[in-house]
């Protein structure tokens, strides 16, 4: 193993590089190397990647919790303004994922992870300052809600980085864990923030605590990433790799499917506290001693926990089969939500959404596992031999993650439009069910059957 550009003063064992180093030779497909050296180093980097991405999702989802509490703190917002505060972080986060895709190749995975975590100080401090005064203009609230999108950008660089550390046979599980660890941040934010802002208030709400609470964790994560992660010289999600990925028609089909899975997960996670408050207001804040919490955190929790199992099932049965099942389940769940709403049963409502969240999580893992498999199947189709399949697939992971995250903006806006037009969310769920059925058909026709240039390969 060749290890150069050591950023520490440590004396490295030749087999196991310490954190803080550049590694020039990395061959995870070599079983001897993997068992002797690769697995330990890869798992160490994965652990800190998960911690940093977790905080990114926390910050990304802070406004989904805070907007529900703003009226109690004296803010007077319209329905449209509320949904803009919920959806804008996803719009910004999705857009930032495009440049973030290139940052690992530009700066190194360890270096960029440290920088991206420190950038989370901007939205957390900004939120803490602006929600402390009910007279804060809506434009200022919107600016700092947009800054929360910095947390959403982390996903693209994190996933593109981790894919280089693991062999093909373990990518599905590793990427699923990395993503699930990040996705859990949405659930933890939705559980912890309502408790923190009530416990520390004495009387009323201490909304600034929603931002101040996370600053020590951000600083610890940045230190850990800098000290214990590694940069891989061979990790190159560069312009050439991205251009090669963009020319591949399957990139756009996979991106559409990822809008349906991850976009639904992050979109529903963002609006779930609002949906509970609007539909079952008595359950939006449940007393717990001197604190209060919302059951909205359960949605993001079960969706996050399901994601790595989607990747594992995809490793075993094929990503396309598992993704198709997930889309079918999501369509059924959306229809059942519409059918059970007239019953005014919170238990039915909650169970339907948890079912859909599980389906989105499984679909996330399965769809993401399909990406390297599709590019491997297409490796001989008019590709530039100078650009490796792994390099193109890594770029595709970031690009598809970026496009998919736009679902987090689209879904709240669809729900907002439905609510303002008819006073109900039913129309939005019917439209979503139709979209999921369309994605189910695409998955079966193109990927389960192995058509469209895949040489009969089921991915």
Protein backbone atom coordinates (compact mmCIF):
# COMPACT_ATOMS: atom_id res chain seq x y z
CA UNK A 1 0.00 0.00 0.00
CA UNK A 2 1.30 3.45 -0.90
CA UNK A 3 0.38 6.20 1.55
CA UNK A 4 1.50 9.76 0.92
CA UNK A 5 0.67 13.32 1.94
CA UNK A 6 0.33 12.39 5.59
CA UNK A 7 -1.46 15.27 7.34
CA UNK A 8 -0.52 14.01 10.82
CA UNK A 9 2.70 13.35 12.72
CA UNK A 10 1.70 9.75 13.39
CA UNK A 11 3.95 6.86 12.39
CA UNK A 12 1.68 4.68 10.28
CA UNK A 13 1.65 0.93 10.16
CA UNK A 14 1.98 -0.06 6.51
CA UNK A 15 -1.21 -2.14 6.55
CA UNK A 16 -3.66 0.11 8.40
CA UNK A 17 -3.41 3.86 7.74
CA UNK A 18 -4.43 6.15 10.56
CA UNK A 19 -7.08 8.80 10.21
CA UNK A 20 -6.10 12.11 8.68
CA UNK A 21 -4.10 10.59 5.82
CA UNK A 22 -4.26 10.47 2.04
CA UNK A 23 -4.35 6.89 0.73
CA UNK A 24 -3.03 6.46 -2.80
CA UNK A 25 -3.70 2.75 -3.26
CA UNK A 26 -7.10 1.35 -2.37
CA UNK A 27 -8.23 -2.05 -3.72
CA UNK A 28 -11.34 -3.22 -1.84
CA UNK A 29 -12.13 -5.88 -4.47
CA UNK A 30 -8.91 -7.68 -3.44
CA UNK A 31 -10.18 -10.07 -0.73
CA UNK A 32 -6.81 -10.29 1.04
CA UNK A 33 -6.46 -6.53 1.18
CA UNK A 34 -10.07 -6.15 2.30
CA UNK A 35 -9.84 -8.61 5.18
CA UNK A 36 -6.41 -7.43 6.35
CA UNK A 37 -6.76 -3.67 5.96
CA UNK A 38 -9.68 -2.38 3.95
CA UNK A 39 -12.64 -3.38 6.11
CA UNK A 40 -11.37 -1.64 9.27
CA UNK A 41 -10.49 1.60 7.48
CA UNK A 42 -13.71 1.62 5.46
CA UNK A 43 -15.83 1.07 8.57
CA UNK A 44 -14.01 3.82 10.44
CA UNK A 45 -14.70 6.27 7.64
CA UNK A 46 -18.28 5.07 7.36
CA UNK A 47 -18.89 5.66 11.07
CA UNK A 48 -17.80 9.30 10.98
CA UNK A 49 -19.53 9.84 7.66
CA UNK A 50 -22.79 8.68 9.24
CA UNK A 51 -22.32 11.01 12.22
CA UNK A 52 -21.71 14.02 9.98
CA UNK A 53 -24.52 13.21 7.58
CA UNK A 54 -26.84 12.67 10.55
CA UNK A 55 -26.27 16.28 11.62
CA UNK A 56 -26.79 17.43 8.05
CA UNK A 57 -30.26 15.89 8.05
CA UNK A 58 -30.98 17.34 11.51
CA UNK A 59 -30.28 20.83 10.24
CA UNK A 60 -32.08 20.18 6.95
CA UNK A 61 -35.27 19.27 8.82
CA UNK A 62 -35.21 21.81 11.65
CA UNK A 63 -37.70 24.11 9.95
CA UNK A 64 -40.22 21.29 9.47
CA UNK A 65 -40.49 21.24 13.27
CA UNK A 66 -40.09 24.94 13.97
CA UNK A 67 -42.82 26.13 11.57
CA UNK A 68 -45.46 24.20 13.50
CA UNK A 69 -44.36 25.97 16.69
CA UNK A 70 -44.09 29.48 15.24
CA UNK A 71 -47.78 30.41 15.82
CA UNK A 72 -47.42 29.55 19.53
CA UNK A 73 -44.39 31.85 19.66
CA UNK A 74 -46.34 34.79 18.26
CA UNK A 75 -45.63 34.49 14.53
CA UNK A 76 -48.54 34.97 12.13
CA UNK A 77 -47.98 33.08 8.87
CA UNK A 78 -50.27 32.07 6.01
CA UNK A 79 -50.57 28.47 4.79
CA UNK A 80 -48.50 29.29 1.71
CA UNK A 81 -45.76 30.92 3.81
CA UNK A 82 -45.65 27.94 6.15
CA UNK A 83 -45.21 25.48 3.29
CA UNK A 84 -42.49 27.66 1.75
CA UNK A 85 -40.53 27.51 5.00
CA UNK A 86 -40.94 23.72 4.97
CA UNK A 87 -40.06 23.18 1.31
CA UNK A 88 -37.33 25.77 0.64
CA UNK A 89 -34.61 23.83 2.53
CA UNK A 90 -35.24 20.90 0.20
CA UNK A 91 -35.07 23.12 -2.89
CA UNK A 92 -31.74 24.61 -1.79
CA UNK A 93 -30.40 21.28 -0.54
CA UNK A 94 -31.23 19.55 -3.81
CA UNK A 95 -29.53 22.29 -5.81
CA UNK A 96 -26.42 22.23 -3.63
CA UNK A 97 -26.07 18.50 -4.21
CA UNK A 98 -24.85 19.17 -7.74
CA UNK A 99 -21.69 21.08 -6.71
CA UNK A 100 -21.27 18.91 -3.62
CA UNK A 101 -20.92 15.89 -5.90
CA UNK A 102 -17.60 17.28 -7.15
CA UNK A 103 -16.16 18.27 -3.78
CA UNK A 104 -14.85 14.85 -2.75
CA UNK A 105 -12.72 14.61 -5.88
CA UNK A 106 -11.64 18.23 -5.52
CA UNK A 107 -10.73 18.35 -1.81
CA UNK A 108 -10.75 14.76 -0.54
CA UNK A 109 -13.51 12.98 1.36
CA UNK A 110 -12.15 13.69 4.83
CA UNK A 111 -11.40 17.33 4.07
CA UNK A 112 -14.75 18.09 2.49
CA UNK A 113 -16.70 16.25 5.21
CA UNK A 114 -15.05 18.50 7.80
CA UNK A 115 -15.82 21.67 5.83
CA UNK A 116 -19.42 20.70 5.08
CA UNK A 117 -20.15 19.96 8.73
CA UNK A 118 -18.73 23.31 9.85
CA UNK A 119 -20.97 25.07 7.30
CA UNK A 120 -23.95 23.82 9.32
CA UNK A 121 -23.13 26.48 11.89
CA UNK A 122 -24.62 29.10 9.53
CA UNK A 123 -28.23 27.80 9.51
CA UNK A 124 -28.23 26.75 13.17
CA UNK A 125 -27.02 30.12 14.46
CA UNK A 126 -29.26 31.93 11.96
CA UNK A 127 -32.34 30.01 13.07
CA UNK A 128 -31.58 30.59 16.74
CA UNK A 129 -31.35 34.34 16.19
CA UNK A 130 -34.31 34.92 13.87
CA UNK A 131 -36.98 32.84 15.67
CA UNK A 132 -36.38 34.64 18.94
CA UNK A 133 -38.36 37.70 17.80
CA UNK A 134 -41.95 37.40 16.47
CA UNK A 135 -41.37 40.66 14.55
CA UNK A 136 -38.73 39.04 12.35
CA UNK A 137 -39.78 39.66 8.71
CA UNK A 138 -40.88 36.63 6.73
CA UNK A 139 -38.10 37.31 4.20
CA UNK A 140 -35.48 36.81 6.94
CA UNK A 141 -37.13 33.58 8.05
CA UNK A 142 -37.08 32.43 4.43
CA UNK A 143 -33.37 33.24 4.02
CA UNK A 144 -32.34 31.15 7.00
CA UNK A 145 -34.75 28.37 6.06
CA UNK A 146 -32.93 28.32 2.72
CA UNK A 147 -29.57 28.14 4.53
CA UNK A 148 -30.78 24.92 6.17
CA UNK A 149 -30.39 23.42 2.71
CA UNK A 150 -26.66 23.25 3.42
CA UNK A 151 -27.49 20.14 5.43
CA UNK A 152 -29.19 18.58 2.44
CA UNK A 153 -26.16 19.04 0.21
CA UNK A 154 -24.03 16.82 2.45
CA UNK A 155 -25.75 13.66 1.26
CA UNK A 156 -24.37 13.77 -2.28
CA UNK A 157 -20.72 14.15 -1.29
CA UNK A 158 -21.03 11.66 1.55
CA UNK A 159 -22.53 8.91 -0.58
CA UNK A 160 -20.11 9.52 -3.47
CA UNK A 161 -17.22 9.29 -1.00
CA UNK A 162 -18.32 6.12 0.80
CA UNK A 163 -18.96 4.19 -2.41
CA UNK A 164 -15.20 4.19 -3.13
CA UNK A 165 -14.36 2.52 0.20
CA UNK A 166 -16.40 -0.68 -0.19
CA UNK A 167 -16.31 -3.62 -2.62
CA UNK A 168 -19.25 -4.08 -4.98
CA UNK A 169 -20.71 -6.96 -2.95
CA UNK A 170 -21.07 -4.73 0.13
CA UNK A 171 -21.97 -1.39 -1.45
CA UNK A 172 -25.71 -1.82 -1.00
CA UNK A 173 -25.45 -2.40 2.73
CA UNK A 174 -22.78 0.28 3.27
CA UNK A 175 -24.61 2.94 1.26
CA UNK A 176 -27.84 1.97 2.99
CA UNK A 177 -26.27 2.40 6.44
CA UNK A 178 -24.70 5.71 5.44
CA UNK A 179 -27.98 7.02 4.12
CA UNK A 180 -30.07 5.60 6.98
CA UNK A 181 -27.76 7.15 9.56
CA UNK A 182 -28.27 10.49 7.86
CA UNK A 183 -32.00 10.02 7.41
CA UNK A 184 -32.33 9.34 11.14
CA UNK A 185 -31.36 12.95 11.71
CA UNK A 186 -34.78 14.00 10.43
CA UNK A 187 -36.48 11.79 13.02
CA UNK A 188 -34.24 12.84 15.89
CA UNK A 189 -34.76 16.53 15.09
CA UNK A 190 -38.53 16.07 15.06
CA UNK A 191 -38.43 14.26 18.40
CA UNK A 192 -35.82 16.29 20.28
CA UNK A 193 -36.60 19.85 19.19
CA UNK A 194 -40.17 20.07 20.62
CA UNK A 195 -38.89 18.67 23.91
CA UNK A 196 -35.88 20.99 24.02
CA UNK A 197 -37.83 24.18 23.28
CA UNK A 198 -40.42 23.40 25.98
CA UNK A 199 -38.17 22.00 28.72
CA UNK A 200 -35.77 24.96 28.56
CA UNK A 201 -38.52 27.58 28.38
CA UNK A 202 -40.04 27.50 31.84
CA UNK A 203 -43.15 29.17 30.44
CA UNK A 204 -44.03 29.22 26.74
CA UNK A 205 -41.42 28.23 24.15
CA UNK A 206 -37.67 28.73 23.88
CA UNK A 207 -37.54 28.45 20.08
CA UNK A 208 -33.90 29.62 19.73
CA UNK A 209 -32.87 26.40 21.48
CA UNK A 210 -33.85 24.58 18.26
CA UNK A 211 -30.67 26.03 16.76
CA UNK A 212 -28.30 26.41 19.72
CA UNK A 213 -28.81 22.77 20.75
CA UNK A 214 -26.86 21.33 17.82
CA UNK A 215 -23.77 23.54 17.79
CA UNK A 216 -21.65 21.41 20.21
CA UNK A 217 -22.48 18.26 18.22
CA UNK A 218 -21.46 19.96 14.98
CA UNK A 219 -18.09 20.93 16.44
CA UNK A 220 -17.45 17.41 17.77
CA UNK A 221 -18.37 15.84 14.40
CA UNK A 222 -16.07 18.22 12.53
CA UNK A 223 -13.18 17.32 14.82
CA UNK A 224 -13.88 13.60 14.43
CA UNK A 225 -14.03 13.80 10.65
CA UNK A 226 -10.75 15.72 10.48
CA UNK A 227 -8.96 13.41 12.90
CA UNK A 228 -10.22 9.96 11.91
CA UNK A 229 -11.40 9.96 8.28
CA UNK A 230 -9.22 9.49 5.18
CA UNK A 231 -8.90 10.96 1.70
CA UNK A 232 -8.68 8.51 -1.21
CA UNK A 233 -6.57 9.74 -4.11
CA UNK A 234 -8.57 7.54 -6.47
CA UNK A 235 -11.91 9.10 -5.50
CA UNK A 236 -12.63 11.22 -8.55
CA UNK A 237 -16.23 12.32 -9.02
CA UNK A 238 -15.04 14.88 -11.51
CA UNK A 239 -16.41 16.79 -14.47
CA UNK A 240 -15.47 14.12 -16.99
CA UNK A 241 -17.16 11.41 -14.94
CA UNK A 242 -20.28 13.52 -14.51
CA UNK A 243 -20.47 14.35 -18.21
CA UNK A 244 -20.19 10.65 -18.99
CA UNK A 245 -23.00 9.95 -16.52
CA UNK A 246 -25.22 12.71 -17.92
CA UNK A 247 -24.94 11.23 -21.41
CA UNK A 248 -26.35 7.96 -20.11
CA UNK A 249 -30.16 7.91 -20.65
CA UNK A 250 -30.64 5.63 -17.65
CA UNK A 251 -29.34 8.38 -15.37
CA UNK A 252 -32.54 10.32 -15.91
CA UNK A 253 -34.82 7.32 -15.47
CA UNK A 254 -33.07 6.41 -12.24
CA UNK A 255 -33.29 10.03 -11.09
CA UNK A 256 -37.04 9.96 -11.69
CA UNK A 257 -37.36 6.80 -9.62
CA UNK A 258 -35.28 8.38 -6.87
CA UNK A 259 -37.60 11.38 -6.83
CA UNK A 260 -40.35 8.86 -6.11
CA UNK A 261 -38.49 7.13 -3.27
CA UNK A 262 -36.14 9.57 -1.55
CA UNK A 263 -38.10 12.62 -2.67
CA UNK A 264 -41.19 11.13 -1.06
CA UNK A 265 -39.28 10.29 2.11
CA UNK A 266 -37.85 13.76 2.62
CA UNK A 267 -41.04 15.46 1.40
CA UNK A 268 -43.30 13.51 3.76
CA UNK A 269 -40.79 13.91 6.60
CA UNK A 270 -40.93 17.67 6.13
CA UNK A 271 -44.71 17.98 6.01
CA UNK A 272 -45.71 15.27 8.48
CA UNK A 273 -45.68 17.57 11.55
CA UNK A 274 -47.82 20.07 9.60
CA UNK A 275 -50.23 17.37 8.37
CA UNK A 276 -50.75 16.11 11.92
CA UNK A 277 -51.30 19.65 13.21
CA UNK A 278 -53.85 20.42 10.47
CA UNK A 279 -55.70 17.10 10.50
CA UNK A 280 -55.43 15.95 14.13
CA UNK A 281 -54.45 19.04 16.07
CA UNK A 282 -54.98 17.39 19.44
CA UNK A 283 -52.11 15.00 18.67
CA UNK A 284 -49.66 17.59 17.35
CA UNK A 285 -48.24 18.22 20.82
CA UNK A 286 -48.34 15.46 23.44
CA UNK A 287 -47.44 16.50 27.03
CA UNK A 288 -44.53 14.69 28.67
CA UNK A 289 -44.04 16.15 32.14
CA UNK A 290 -42.84 19.71 31.64
CA UNK A 291 -42.06 18.97 28.00
CA UNK A 292 -44.06 18.14 24.89
CA UNK A 293 -43.34 16.04 21.82
CA UNK A 294 -44.95 15.06 18.53
CA UNK A 295 -45.40 11.59 17.04
CA UNK A 296 -44.30 13.02 13.68
CA UNK A 297 -40.78 11.73 14.37
CA UNK A 298 -41.99 8.14 13.91
CA UNK A 299 -42.35 8.59 10.14
CA UNK A 300 -38.75 9.58 9.48
CA UNK A 301 -37.61 7.01 12.05
CA UNK A 302 -39.18 3.95 10.40
CA UNK A 303 -38.27 5.22 6.92
CA UNK A 304 -34.64 5.63 7.94
CA UNK A 305 -34.42 2.23 9.62
CA UNK A 306 -35.97 0.56 6.57
CA UNK A 307 -33.43 2.01 4.14
CA UNK A 308 -30.46 -0.30 4.79
CA UNK A 309 -32.77 -3.31 4.57
CA UNK A 310 -33.86 -2.06 1.16
CA UNK A 311 -30.21 -2.14 0.16
CA UNK A 312 -29.71 -5.60 1.64
CA UNK A 313 -32.82 -6.98 -0.04
CA UNK A 314 -31.60 -5.42 -3.29
CA UNK A 315 -28.23 -7.15 -2.87
CA UNK A 316 -30.08 -10.46 -2.61
CA UNK A 317 -33.07 -10.19 -4.95
CA UNK A 318 -32.13 -7.31 -7.25
CA UNK A 319 -32.81 -3.61 -6.79
CA UNK A 320 -35.46 -3.41 -9.49
CA UNK A 321 -37.68 -6.07 -7.93
CA UNK A 322 -37.55 -4.48 -4.48
CA UNK A 323 -38.06 -0.98 -5.92
CA UNK A 324 -41.13 -2.18 -7.85
CA UNK A 325 -42.62 -3.65 -4.68
CA UNK A 326 -41.91 -0.39 -2.84
CA UNK A 327 -43.67 1.74 -5.47
CA UNK A 328 -46.69 -0.55 -5.35
CA UNK A 329 -46.83 -0.23 -1.56
CA UNK A 330 -46.51 3.56 -1.74
CA UNK A 331 -49.38 3.79 -4.21
CA UNK A 332 -51.58 1.61 -2.00
CA UNK A 333 -50.64 3.67 1.06
CA UNK A 334 -51.53 6.97 -0.63
CA UNK A 335 -54.95 5.63 -1.70
CA UNK A 336 -55.68 4.24 1.77
CA UNK A 337 -54.85 7.64 3.32
CA UNK A 338 -57.57 9.22 1.17
CA UNK A 339 -60.08 6.47 1.97
CA UNK A 340 -59.50 6.57 5.73
CA UNK A 341 -59.41 10.35 6.23
CA UNK A 342 -63.23 10.57 6.51
CA UNK A 343 -63.04 8.18 9.48
CA UNK A 344 -61.22 10.88 11.49
CA UNK A 345 -59.09 8.18 13.10
CA UNK A 346 -55.61 9.27 14.08
CA UNK A 347 -54.56 5.61 14.50
CA UNK A 348 -55.47 4.80 10.87
CA UNK A 349 -53.84 8.02 9.68
CA UNK A 350 -50.60 7.30 11.55
CA UNK A 351 -50.44 3.65 10.46
CA UNK A 352 -50.99 4.55 6.80
CA UNK A 353 -48.17 7.07 6.89
CA UNK A 354 -45.80 4.74 8.72
CA UNK A 355 -46.51 2.11 6.06
CA UNK A 356 -45.63 4.62 3.34
CA UNK A 357 -42.51 5.74 5.19
CA UNK A 358 -41.29 2.12 5.41
CA UNK A 359 -41.96 1.70 1.69
CA UNK A 360 -40.00 4.86 0.84
CA UNK A 361 -37.09 3.69 2.99
CA UNK A 362 -36.95 0.29 1.31
CA UNK A 363 -37.35 1.95 -2.08
CA UNK A 364 -34.51 4.36 -1.27
CA UNK A 365 -32.07 1.54 -0.53
CA UNK A 366 -33.17 -0.51 -3.54
CA UNK A 367 -33.09 2.35 -6.04
CA UNK A 368 -29.68 3.54 -4.88
CA UNK A 369 -28.33 0.00 -5.19
CA UNK A 370 -29.59 -0.13 -8.79
CA UNK A 371 -27.36 2.75 -9.87
CA UNK A 372 -23.93 1.02 -9.91
CA UNK A 373 -25.59 -2.14 -11.26
CA UNK A 374 -27.13 -0.28 -14.20
CA UNK A 375 -23.88 1.47 -15.06
CA UNK A 376 -22.00 -1.83 -14.84
CA UNK A 377 -24.52 -3.42 -17.24
CA UNK A 378 -24.08 -0.49 -19.62
CA UNK A 379 -20.27 -0.40 -19.38
CA UNK A 380 -19.72 -1.47 -22.97
CA UNK A 381 -22.30 0.77 -24.62
CA UNK A 382 -20.32 3.47 -26.45
CA UNK A 383 -18.46 4.53 -23.30
CA UNK A 384 -15.17 6.41 -23.13
CA UNK A 385 -12.61 3.73 -22.10
CA UNK A 386 -10.59 6.40 -20.27
CA UNK A 387 -13.39 6.89 -17.75
CA UNK A 388 -13.94 3.90 -15.44
CA UNK A 389 -17.36 2.47 -14.71
CA UNK A 390 -16.81 3.08 -11.00
CA UNK A 391 -15.94 6.71 -11.65
CA UNK A 392 -19.06 7.25 -13.78
CA UNK A 393 -21.29 5.43 -11.31
CA UNK A 394 -19.93 7.49 -8.42
CA UNK A 395 -20.75 10.70 -10.29
CA UNK A 396 -24.20 9.32 -11.06
CA UNK A 397 -24.82 8.63 -7.36
CA UNK A 398 -24.35 12.30 -6.57
CA UNK A 399 -26.33 13.58 -9.55
CA UNK A 400 -29.26 11.26 -8.90
CA UNK A 401 -29.22 12.16 -5.22
CA UNK A 402 -29.47 15.81 -6.23
CA UNK A 403 -32.41 15.34 -8.59
CA UNK A 404 -34.20 13.05 -6.15
CA UNK A 405 -34.07 15.61 -3.37
CA UNK A 406 -36.25 17.98 -5.39
CA UNK A 407 -39.12 15.75 -4.34
CA UNK A 408 -38.73 17.30 -0.90
CA UNK A 409 -39.72 20.62 -2.45
CA UNK A 410 -42.37 19.33 -4.86
CA UNK A 411 -44.41 17.25 -2.41
CA UNK A 412 -45.00 20.07 0.14
CA UNK A 413 -45.95 22.41 -2.70
CA UNK A 414 -48.43 19.86 -4.12
CA UNK A 415 -49.98 19.45 -0.68
CA UNK A 416 -50.10 23.22 -0.20
CA UNK A 417 -51.83 23.71 -3.56
CA UNK A 418 -54.36 20.98 -2.76
CA UNK A 419 -55.10 22.49 0.65
CA UNK A 420 -55.56 26.01 -0.70
CA UNK A 421 -57.67 24.88 -3.68
CA UNK A 422 -60.06 22.49 -1.92
CA UNK A 423 -59.39 22.76 1.80
CA UNK A 424 -58.27 19.12 1.74
CA UNK A 425 -55.12 17.12 1.06
CA UNK A 426 -56.98 14.29 -0.73
CA UNK A 427 -56.34 15.57 -4.26
CA UNK A 428 -52.59 15.62 -3.61
CA UNK A 429 -52.54 12.01 -2.41
CA UNK A 430 -54.53 10.81 -5.43
CA UNK A 431 -52.02 12.51 -7.72
CA UNK A 432 -49.13 10.95 -5.81
CA UNK A 433 -50.69 7.48 -6.04
CA UNK A 434 -50.92 7.87 -9.83
CA UNK A 435 -47.28 8.95 -9.98
CA UNK A 436 -46.16 5.92 -7.96
CA UNK A 437 -48.06 3.59 -10.28
CA UNK A 438 -46.32 5.18 -13.28
CA UNK A 439 -42.93 4.62 -11.60
CA UNK A 440 -43.88 1.03 -10.84
CA UNK A 441 -44.57 0.42 -14.53
CA UNK A 442 -41.26 2.04 -15.58
CA UNK A 443 -39.33 -0.08 -13.07
CA UNK A 444 -40.91 -3.33 -14.22
CA UNK A 445 -40.71 -2.66 -17.95
CA UNK A 446 -37.17 -1.28 -18.04
CA UNK A 447 -35.30 -2.83 -15.12
CA UNK A 448 -37.08 -5.98 -13.94
CA UNK A 449 -37.32 -7.22 -17.53
CA UNK A 450 -33.78 -6.02 -18.31
CA UNK A 451 -34.77 -4.19 -21.46
CA UNK A 452 -33.57 -0.88 -22.98
CA UNK A 453 -29.93 -1.71 -23.65
CA UNK A 454 -29.32 -3.74 -20.50
CA UNK A 455 -28.81 -6.92 -22.54
CA UNK A 456 -31.51 -8.76 -20.62
CA UNK A 457 -29.79 -8.04 -17.30
CA UNK A 458 -32.08 -7.60 -14.31
CA UNK A 459 -30.58 -5.00 -11.99
